[in-house]
Amino acid sequence: MKPACAALLLQAAAFPLALATTWLLASAGLPMSYLAVALLQGAIAAGLAWWRGLASWWIAIELLFPLALLGATRLAIPPSVFLVLFLFLLLLYWSTYRTQVPYYPSSRRVWDAVARLLPPAGRVRVIDIGSGLGGLVLDLARRRPGIEATGIELAPLPWLVSALRARLAGSGARFIRGDYEKLDFEQFDVIFAYLSPAAMDALWRKAICEMRPGSMLLSYEFVIDDRLPNRTVYPTEGGPALHIWHF
């Protein structure tokens, strides 16, 4: 089960336990405020998350979620604001709960490092899987005519922004909305990924099955367990590494 779904179920499971505990404490004469109930709900949910072995940040989220919910109700924010915010976050992150890949923007120094790894001449097909707002793809496409730069993004809002940026700039960059797992990696010479630790094993399994001899897999910051890269470069001094695997 995906961690986000597990966290939601654990928060729901904590509710009857918190309700029963609140009733017992109130019956014993202990005054229970809304704040105390929220703290109790969060503590039980966090305990369940720890018991189920969820990551530390999920435990913190479980603990703080009821308090955040209580705080939001005290602010008397109109429901329409929550609806707009929900739709915005949905379009921005889409199925992050499933892919476990949040939005990670890369920097211009990373783009320069990737460009230095490409052949100086000739045709080269590059794809950024999880291309976000399209910065790397647009940058590579304007470096020289032989670079065929493509980005694929699952979330609708970043994909739309990147496609509009390419159109307004008259760029040859191409942006696809979809899941990179449905791509055939054999079509590309260089694959760039800035995903998350949770996605790296599946990425490697797909890469070794589909990537052609002579192609490269690049991963910024995140490594593949038990698969040492052929080379590592550091776009920024003291910053995360760009890991390179040759096929």
C-alpha atoms as a PDB file:
ATOM      1  CA  MET A   1       0.000   0.000   0.000  1.00  0.00           C
ATOM      2  CA  LYS A   2       1.220   3.500  -0.857  1.00  0.00           C
ATOM      3  CA  PRO A   3       2.341   5.482   2.220  1.00  0.00           C
ATOM      4  CA  ALA A   4      -0.162   8.289   1.581  1.00  0.00           C
ATOM      5  CA  CYS A   5      -3.061   5.842   1.487  1.00  0.00           C
ATOM      6  CA  ALA A   6      -1.750   4.067   4.597  1.00  0.00           C
ATOM      7  CA  ALA A   7      -1.461   7.405   6.421  1.00  0.00           C
ATOM      8  CA  LEU A   8      -5.044   8.310   5.525  1.00  0.00           C
ATOM      9  CA  LEU A   9      -6.353   4.951   6.743  1.00  0.00           C
ATOM     10  CA  LEU A  10      -4.373   5.207   9.979  1.00  0.00           C
ATOM     11  CA  GLN A  11      -5.761   8.691  10.641  1.00  0.00           C
ATOM     12  CA  ALA A  12      -9.249   7.279  10.123  1.00  0.00           C
ATOM     13  CA  ALA A  13      -8.498   4.286  12.360  1.00  0.00           C
ATOM     14  CA  ALA A  14      -7.279   6.624  15.105  1.00  0.00           C
ATOM     15  CA  PHE A  15     -10.601   8.488  15.207  1.00  0.00           C
ATOM     16  CA  PRO A  16     -12.730   5.867  17.037  1.00  0.00           C
ATOM     17  CA  LEU A  17      -9.833   5.193  19.402  1.00  0.00           C
ATOM     18  CA  ALA A  18      -9.534   8.908  20.168  1.00  0.00           C
ATOM     19  CA  LEU A  19     -13.296   9.178  20.563  1.00  0.00           C
ATOM     20  CA  ALA A  20     -13.402   6.280  23.027  1.00  0.00           C
ATOM     21  CA  THR A  21     -10.434   7.636  24.978  1.00  0.00           C
ATOM     22  CA  THR A  22     -12.020  11.085  25.124  1.00  0.00           C
ATOM     23  CA  TRP A  23     -15.243   9.592  26.508  1.00  0.00           C
ATOM     24  CA  LEU A  24     -13.332   7.631  29.161  1.00  0.00           C
ATOM     25  CA  LEU A  25     -11.321  10.668  30.249  1.00  0.00           C
ATOM     26  CA  ALA A  26     -14.386  12.896  30.305  1.00  0.00           C
ATOM     27  CA  SER A  27     -16.272  10.260  32.334  1.00  0.00           C
ATOM     28  CA  ALA A  28     -13.423  10.303  34.837  1.00  0.00           C
ATOM     29  CA  GLY A  29     -13.946  14.018  35.298  1.00  0.00           C
ATOM     30  CA  LEU A  30     -11.026  15.233  33.203  1.00  0.00           C
ATOM     31  CA  PRO A  31     -12.051  18.291  31.124  1.00  0.00           C
ATOM     32  CA  MET A  32     -11.460  17.736  27.390  1.00  0.00           C
ATOM     33  CA  SER A  33     -11.136  20.761  25.116  1.00  0.00           C
ATOM     34  CA  TYR A  34     -11.081  20.635  21.326  1.00  0.00           C
ATOM     35  CA  LEU A  35      -7.333  21.222  21.486  1.00  0.00           C
ATOM     36  CA  ALA A  36      -6.879  18.263  23.837  1.00  0.00           C
ATOM     37  CA  VAL A  37      -8.956  16.034  21.559  1.00  0.00           C
ATOM     38  CA  ALA A  38      -6.925  17.125  18.511  1.00  0.00           C
ATOM     39  CA  LEU A  39      -3.687  16.364  20.360  1.00  0.00           C
ATOM     40  CA  LEU A  40      -5.047  12.975  21.386  1.00  0.00           C
ATOM     41  CA  GLN A  41      -6.162  12.154  17.840  1.00  0.00           C
ATOM     42  CA  GLY A  42      -2.766  13.168  16.449  1.00  0.00           C
ATOM     43  CA  ALA A  43      -0.842  11.219  19.069  1.00  0.00           C
ATOM     44  CA  ILE A  44      -2.826   8.033  18.417  1.00  0.00           C
ATOM     45  CA  ALA A  45      -2.462   8.407  14.633  1.00  0.00           C
ATOM     46  CA  ALA A  46       1.275   9.047  14.996  1.00  0.00           C
ATOM     47  CA  GLY A  47       1.598   5.984  17.225  1.00  0.00           C
ATOM     48  CA  LEU A  48      -0.180   3.845  14.640  1.00  0.00           C
ATOM     49  CA  ALA A  49       2.077   5.235  11.905  1.00  0.00           C
ATOM     50  CA  TRP A  50       5.154   4.364  13.974  1.00  0.00           C
ATOM     51  CA  TRP A  51       3.742   0.878  14.607  1.00  0.00           C
ATOM     52  CA  ARG A  52       3.205   0.353  10.866  1.00  0.00           C
ATOM     53  CA  GLY A  53       6.747   1.496  10.092  1.00  0.00           C
ATOM     54  CA  LEU A  54       5.940   4.654   8.136  1.00  0.00           C
ATOM     55  CA  ALA A  55       8.719   7.163   7.526  1.00  0.00           C
ATOM     56  CA  SER A  56       9.397   9.803  10.171  1.00  0.00           C
ATOM     57  CA  TRP A  57       7.813  12.606   8.137  1.00  0.00           C
ATOM     58  CA  TRP A  58       4.562  10.651   7.920  1.00  0.00           C
ATOM     59  CA  ILE A  59       4.572  10.269  11.695  1.00  0.00           C
ATOM     60  CA  ALA A  60       4.969  14.040  12.015  1.00  0.00           C
ATOM     61  CA  ILE A  61       2.156  14.633   9.511  1.00  0.00           C
ATOM     62  CA  GLU A  62      -0.145  12.268  11.411  1.00  0.00           C
ATOM     63  CA  LEU A  63       0.607  14.119  14.641  1.00  0.00           C
ATOM     64  CA  LEU A  64       0.074  17.620  13.258  1.00  0.00           C
ATOM     65  CA  PHE A  65      -2.838  17.023  10.886  1.00  0.00           C
ATOM     66  CA  PRO A  66      -5.643  17.224  13.514  1.00  0.00           C
ATOM     67  CA  LEU A  67      -4.089  20.391  14.955  1.00  0.00           C
ATOM     68  CA  ALA A  68      -3.920  21.952  11.487  1.00  0.00           C
ATOM     69  CA  LEU A  69      -7.528  20.990  10.867  1.00  0.00           C
ATOM     70  CA  LEU A  70      -8.590  22.541  14.169  1.00  0.00           C
ATOM     71  CA  GLY A  71      -6.658  25.714  13.384  1.00  0.00           C
ATOM     72  CA  ALA A  72      -8.275  25.976   9.956  1.00  0.00           C
ATOM     73  CA  THR A  73     -11.764  25.754  11.466  1.00  0.00           C
ATOM     74  CA  ARG A  74     -10.925  28.574  13.902  1.00  0.00           C
ATOM     75  CA  LEU A  75      -9.938  30.865  11.010  1.00  0.00           C
ATOM     76  CA  ALA A  76     -13.425  30.653   9.493  1.00  0.00           C
ATOM     77  CA  ILE A  77     -12.043  30.434   5.963  1.00  0.00           C
ATOM     78  CA  PRO A  78     -14.786  30.193   3.301  1.00  0.00           C
ATOM     79  CA  PRO A  79     -15.221  26.656   1.871  1.00  0.00           C
ATOM     80  CA  SER A  80     -14.608  27.994  -1.641  1.00  0.00           C
ATOM     81  CA  VAL A  81     -11.025  28.854  -0.653  1.00  0.00           C
ATOM     82  CA  PHE A  82     -10.403  25.251   0.385  1.00  0.00           C
ATOM     83  CA  LEU A  83     -11.919  24.037  -2.887  1.00  0.00           C
ATOM     84  CA  VAL A  84      -9.687  26.312  -4.972  1.00  0.00           C
ATOM     85  CA  LEU A  85      -6.615  25.319  -2.969  1.00  0.00           C
ATOM     86  CA  PHE A  86      -7.478  21.642  -3.294  1.00  0.00           C
ATOM     87  CA  LEU A  87      -7.918  21.900  -7.069  1.00  0.00           C
ATOM     88  CA  PHE A  88      -4.663  23.834  -7.427  1.00  0.00           C
ATOM     89  CA  LEU A  89      -2.699  21.251  -5.430  1.00  0.00           C
ATOM     90  CA  LEU A  90      -4.393  18.432  -7.301  1.00  0.00           C
ATOM     91  CA  LEU A  91      -3.366  19.879 -10.668  1.00  0.00           C
ATOM     92  CA  LEU A  92       0.147  20.600  -9.383  1.00  0.00           C
ATOM     93  CA  TYR A  93       0.925  17.264  -7.741  1.00  0.00           C
ATOM     94  CA  TRP A  94      -1.691  14.967  -9.338  1.00  0.00           C
ATOM     95  CA  SER A  95      -0.782  11.381  -8.367  1.00  0.00           C
ATOM     96  CA  THR A  96       2.174  12.092  -6.078  1.00  0.00           C
ATOM     97  CA  TYR A  97       0.486   9.858  -3.492  1.00  0.00           C
ATOM     98  CA  ARG A  98       1.020   6.947  -5.935  1.00  0.00           C
ATOM     99  CA  THR A  99       4.331   7.795  -7.585  1.00  0.00           C
ATOM    100  CA  GLN A 100       5.911   9.208  -4.378  1.00  0.00           C
ATOM    101  CA  VAL A 101       7.659  11.761  -6.580  1.00  0.00           C
ATOM    102  CA  PRO A 102       6.980  15.362  -5.474  1.00  0.00           C
ATOM    103  CA  TYR A 103       7.886  18.418  -7.503  1.00  0.00           C
ATOM    104  CA  TYR A 104      11.677  18.821  -7.448  1.00  0.00           C
ATOM    105  CA  PRO A 105      12.922  21.688  -9.651  1.00  0.00           C
ATOM    106  CA  SER A 106      16.516  21.462 -10.843  1.00  0.00           C
ATOM    107  CA  SER A 107      18.822  24.465 -11.165  1.00  0.00           C
ATOM    108  CA  ARG A 108      20.630  26.069 -14.081  1.00  0.00           C
ATOM    109  CA  ARG A 109      23.924  24.589 -12.891  1.00  0.00           C
ATOM    110  CA  VAL A 110      22.391  21.143 -13.210  1.00  0.00           C
ATOM    111  CA  TRP A 111      21.277  21.997 -16.750  1.00  0.00           C
ATOM    112  CA  ASP A 112      24.845  23.063 -17.578  1.00  0.00           C
ATOM    113  CA  ALA A 113      26.212  19.807 -16.146  1.00  0.00           C
ATOM    114  CA  VAL A 114      23.781  17.751 -18.218  1.00  0.00           C
ATOM    115  CA  ALA A 115      24.650  19.729 -21.368  1.00  0.00           C
ATOM    116  CA  ARG A 116      28.377  19.063 -20.855  1.00  0.00           C
ATOM    117  CA  LEU A 117      27.676  15.315 -20.874  1.00  0.00           C
ATOM    118  CA  LEU A 118      26.008  15.416 -24.298  1.00  0.00           C
ATOM    119  CA  PRO A 119      27.944  14.884 -27.533  1.00  0.00           C
ATOM    120  CA  PRO A 120      29.182  18.241 -28.901  1.00  0.00           C
ATOM    121  CA  ALA A 121      27.724  17.549 -32.342  1.00  0.00           C
ATOM    122  CA  GLY A 122      25.238  15.305 -34.084  1.00  0.00           C
ATOM    123  CA  ARG A 123      21.747  14.214 -33.205  1.00  0.00           C
ATOM    124  CA  VAL A 124      21.014  13.296 -29.604  1.00  0.00           C
ATOM    125  CA  ARG A 125      17.600  12.471 -28.163  1.00  0.00           C
ATOM    126  CA  VAL A 126      17.182  13.542 -24.536  1.00  0.00           C
ATOM    127  CA  ILE A 127      14.190  13.140 -22.260  1.00  0.00           C
ATOM    128  CA  ASP A 128      13.546  14.530 -18.795  1.00  0.00           C
ATOM    129  CA  ILE A 129      11.176  12.160 -16.981  1.00  0.00           C
ATOM    130  CA  GLY A 130       9.143  14.240 -14.563  1.00  0.00           C
ATOM    131  CA  SER A 131      10.004  17.463 -16.374  1.00  0.00           C
ATOM    132  CA  GLY A 132       8.040  19.828 -14.124  1.00  0.00           C
ATOM    133  CA  LEU A 133       7.909  23.344 -15.557  1.00  0.00           C
ATOM    134  CA  GLY A 134      10.266  22.354 -18.379  1.00  0.00           C
ATOM    135  CA  GLY A 135      13.379  24.355 -17.516  1.00  0.00           C
ATOM    136  CA  LEU A 136      15.953  21.677 -18.399  1.00  0.00           C
ATOM    137  CA  VAL A 137      14.194  20.640 -21.606  1.00  0.00           C
ATOM    138  CA  LEU A 138      13.815  24.203 -22.869  1.00  0.00           C
ATOM    139  CA  ASP A 139      17.443  24.961 -22.013  1.00  0.00           C
ATOM    140  CA  LEU A 140      18.789  21.917 -23.853  1.00  0.00           C
ATOM    141  CA  ALA A 141      16.603  22.553 -26.899  1.00  0.00           C
ATOM    142  CA  ARG A 142      18.121  26.007 -27.409  1.00  0.00           C
ATOM    143  CA  ARG A 143      21.724  24.851 -26.955  1.00  0.00           C
ATOM    144  CA  ARG A 144      22.071  23.546 -30.519  1.00  0.00           C
ATOM    145  CA  PRO A 145      19.811  22.248 -33.299  1.00  0.00           C
ATOM    146  CA  GLY A 146      20.866  18.594 -33.005  1.00  0.00           C
ATOM    147  CA  ILE A 147      19.470  18.169 -29.493  1.00  0.00           C
ATOM    148  CA  GLU A 148      15.955  16.719 -29.590  1.00  0.00           C
ATOM    149  CA  ALA A 149      14.738  17.544 -26.093  1.00  0.00           C
ATOM    150  CA  THR A 150      11.547  16.033 -24.695  1.00  0.00           C
ATOM    151  CA  GLY A 151       9.900  16.264 -21.313  1.00  0.00           C
ATOM    152  CA  ILE A 152       7.233  14.019 -19.865  1.00  0.00           C
ATOM    153  CA  GLU A 153       5.131  15.099 -16.895  1.00  0.00           C
ATOM    154  CA  LEU A 154       2.168  13.428 -15.242  1.00  0.00           C
ATOM    155  CA  ALA A 155       0.766  16.429 -13.342  1.00  0.00           C
ATOM    156  CA  PRO A 156      -1.512  18.575 -15.566  1.00  0.00           C
ATOM    157  CA  LEU A 157      -0.524  22.049 -14.348  1.00  0.00           C
ATOM    158  CA  PRO A 158       3.292  21.750 -14.734  1.00  0.00           C
ATOM    159  CA  TRP A 159       2.803  20.059 -18.115  1.00  0.00           C
ATOM    160  CA  LEU A 160       0.519  22.868 -19.315  1.00  0.00           C
ATOM    161  CA  VAL A 161       2.945  25.545 -18.120  1.00  0.00           C
ATOM    162  CA  SER A 162       5.902  23.863 -19.852  1.00  0.00           C
ATOM    163  CA  ALA A 163       3.969  23.373 -23.102  1.00  0.00           C
ATOM    164  CA  LEU A 164       2.910  27.045 -23.092  1.00  0.00           C
ATOM    165  CA  ARG A 165       6.481  28.140 -22.381  1.00  0.00           C
ATOM    166  CA  ALA A 166       7.718  26.152 -25.373  1.00  0.00           C
ATOM    167  CA  ARG A 167       5.026  27.569 -27.645  1.00  0.00           C
ATOM    168  CA  LEU A 168       5.602  31.183 -26.554  1.00  0.00           C
ATOM    169  CA  ALA A 169       9.371  30.815 -26.966  1.00  0.00           C
ATOM    170  CA  GLY A 170       9.069  29.159 -30.372  1.00  0.00           C
ATOM    171  CA  SER A 171      11.122  26.284 -28.974  1.00  0.00           C
ATOM    172  CA  GLY A 172      11.571  22.900 -30.596  1.00  0.00           C
ATOM    173  CA  ALA A 173      11.229  21.279 -27.176  1.00  0.00           C
ATOM    174  CA  ARG A 174       8.419  18.739 -26.930  1.00  0.00           C
ATOM    175  CA  PHE A 175       6.337  18.067 -23.835  1.00  0.00           C
ATOM    176  CA  ILE A 176       4.214  14.994 -23.259  1.00  0.00           C
ATOM    177  CA  ARG A 177       1.636  14.574 -20.532  1.00  0.00           C
ATOM    178  CA  GLY A 178       1.774  11.027 -19.217  1.00  0.00           C
ATOM    179  CA  ASP A 179       3.540   8.426 -17.122  1.00  0.00           C
ATOM    180  CA  TYR A 180       7.147   7.734 -18.042  1.00  0.00           C
ATOM    181  CA  GLU A 181       6.614   4.067 -17.186  1.00  0.00           C
ATOM    182  CA  LYS A 182       4.628   3.793 -20.430  1.00  0.00           C
ATOM    183  CA  LEU A 183       7.496   5.171 -22.518  1.00  0.00           C
ATOM    184  CA  ASP A 184       9.923   3.021 -24.467  1.00  0.00           C
ATOM    185  CA  PHE A 185      13.360   4.105 -23.224  1.00  0.00           C
ATOM    186  CA  GLU A 186      14.931   2.624 -26.359  1.00  0.00           C
ATOM    187  CA  GLN A 187      13.881   5.773 -28.240  1.00  0.00           C
ATOM    188  CA  PHE A 188      16.299   7.979 -26.300  1.00  0.00           C
ATOM    189  CA  ASP A 189      20.049   8.441 -26.044  1.00  0.00           C
ATOM    190  CA  VAL A 190      20.005  10.225 -22.676  1.00  0.00           C
ATOM    191  CA  ILE A 191      17.434   9.950 -19.901  1.00  0.00           C
ATOM    192  CA  PHE A 192      17.484  12.470 -17.066  1.00  0.00           C
ATOM    193  CA  ALA A 193      15.638  11.843 -13.808  1.00  0.00           C
ATOM    194  CA  TYR A 194      15.147  13.938 -10.692  1.00  0.00           C
ATOM    195  CA  LEU A 195      12.617  11.761  -8.917  1.00  0.00           C
ATOM    196  CA  SER A 196      12.764  10.442  -5.343  1.00  0.00           C
ATOM    197  CA  PRO A 197      14.407   7.515  -3.521  1.00  0.00           C
ATOM    198  CA  ALA A 198      11.128   5.577  -3.672  1.00  0.00           C
ATOM    199  CA  ALA A 199      11.142   5.582  -7.494  1.00  0.00           C
ATOM    200  CA  MET A 200      14.744   4.612  -8.205  1.00  0.00           C
ATOM    201  CA  ASP A 201      14.503   0.802  -8.116  1.00  0.00           C
ATOM    202  CA  ALA A 202      11.609   0.770 -10.588  1.00  0.00           C
ATOM    203  CA  LEU A 203      13.478   3.242 -12.816  1.00  0.00           C
ATOM    204  CA  TRP A 204      16.522   0.981 -12.880  1.00  0.00           C
ATOM    205  CA  ARG A 205      14.484  -2.120 -13.729  1.00  0.00           C
ATOM    206  CA  LYS A 206      12.934  -0.308 -16.668  1.00  0.00           C
ATOM    207  CA  ALA A 207      16.271   1.143 -17.783  1.00  0.00           C
ATOM    208  CA  ILE A 208      18.135  -2.180 -17.921  1.00  0.00           C
ATOM    209  CA  CYS A 209      15.300  -3.730 -19.921  1.00  0.00           C
ATOM    210  CA  GLU A 210      14.882  -0.957 -22.489  1.00  0.00           C
ATOM    211  CA  MET A 211      17.924   1.319 -22.815  1.00  0.00           C
ATOM    212  CA  ARG A 212      20.168   0.777 -25.820  1.00  0.00           C
ATOM    213  CA  PRO A 213      23.937   0.216 -25.741  1.00  0.00           C
ATOM    214  CA  GLY A 214      25.682   3.573 -25.774  1.00  0.00           C
ATOM    215  CA  SER A 215      22.868   5.413 -23.986  1.00  0.00           C
ATOM    216  CA  MET A 216      23.107   7.177 -20.615  1.00  0.00           C
ATOM    217  CA  LEU A 217      20.894   7.355 -17.547  1.00  0.00           C
ATOM    218  CA  LEU A 218      21.370  10.471 -15.417  1.00  0.00           C
ATOM    219  CA  SER A 219      19.917  10.866 -11.936  1.00  0.00           C
ATOM    220  CA  TYR A 220      20.308  14.060  -9.971  1.00  0.00           C
ATOM    221  CA  GLU A 221      20.739  13.594  -6.221  1.00  0.00           C
ATOM    222  CA  PHE A 222      19.165  10.143  -5.873  1.00  0.00           C
ATOM    223  CA  VAL A 223      21.130   6.914  -6.294  1.00  0.00           C
ATOM    224  CA  ILE A 224      20.113   3.381  -7.176  1.00  0.00           C
ATOM    225  CA  ASP A 225      20.698   0.848  -4.416  1.00  0.00           C
ATOM    226  CA  ASP A 226      23.510  -1.621  -5.170  1.00  0.00           C
ATOM    227  CA  ARG A 227      24.124  -0.061  -8.619  1.00  0.00           C
ATOM    228  CA  LEU A 228      27.171   2.160  -8.418  1.00  0.00           C
ATOM    229  CA  PRO A 229      27.201   4.843 -11.123  1.00  0.00           C
ATOM    230  CA  ASN A 230      29.916   4.786 -13.735  1.00  0.00           C
ATOM    231  CA  ARG A 231      30.621   8.415 -13.000  1.00  0.00           C
ATOM    232  CA  THR A 232      29.522  11.159 -10.627  1.00  0.00           C
ATOM    233  CA  VAL A 233      29.791  14.924 -11.099  1.00  0.00           C
ATOM    234  CA  TYR A 234      28.837  17.767  -8.776  1.00  0.00           C
ATOM    235  CA  PRO A 235      27.052  20.689 -10.476  1.00  0.00           C
ATOM    236  CA  THR A 236      27.438  22.832  -7.356  1.00  0.00           C
ATOM    237  CA  GLU A 237      30.290  22.647  -4.868  1.00  0.00           C
ATOM    238  CA  GLY A 238      29.089  20.785  -1.804  1.00  0.00           C
ATOM    239  CA  GLY A 239      25.687  20.180  -3.400  1.00  0.00           C
ATOM    240  CA  PRO A 240      23.941  17.006  -4.572  1.00  0.00           C
ATOM    241  CA  ALA A 241      25.602  14.805  -7.168  1.00  0.00           C
ATOM    242  CA  LEU A 242      24.607  14.024 -10.723  1.00  0.00           C
ATOM    243  CA  HIS A 243      24.961  10.248 -11.104  1.00  0.00           C
ATOM    244  CA  ILE A 244      25.696   8.733 -14.520  1.00  0.00           C
ATOM    245  CA  TRP A 245      25.178   5.172 -15.721  1.00  0.00           C
ATOM    246  CA  HIS A 246      26.430   4.055 -19.148  1.00  0.00           C
ATOM    247  CA  PHE A 247      24.723   1.244 -21.028  1.00  0.00           C
END
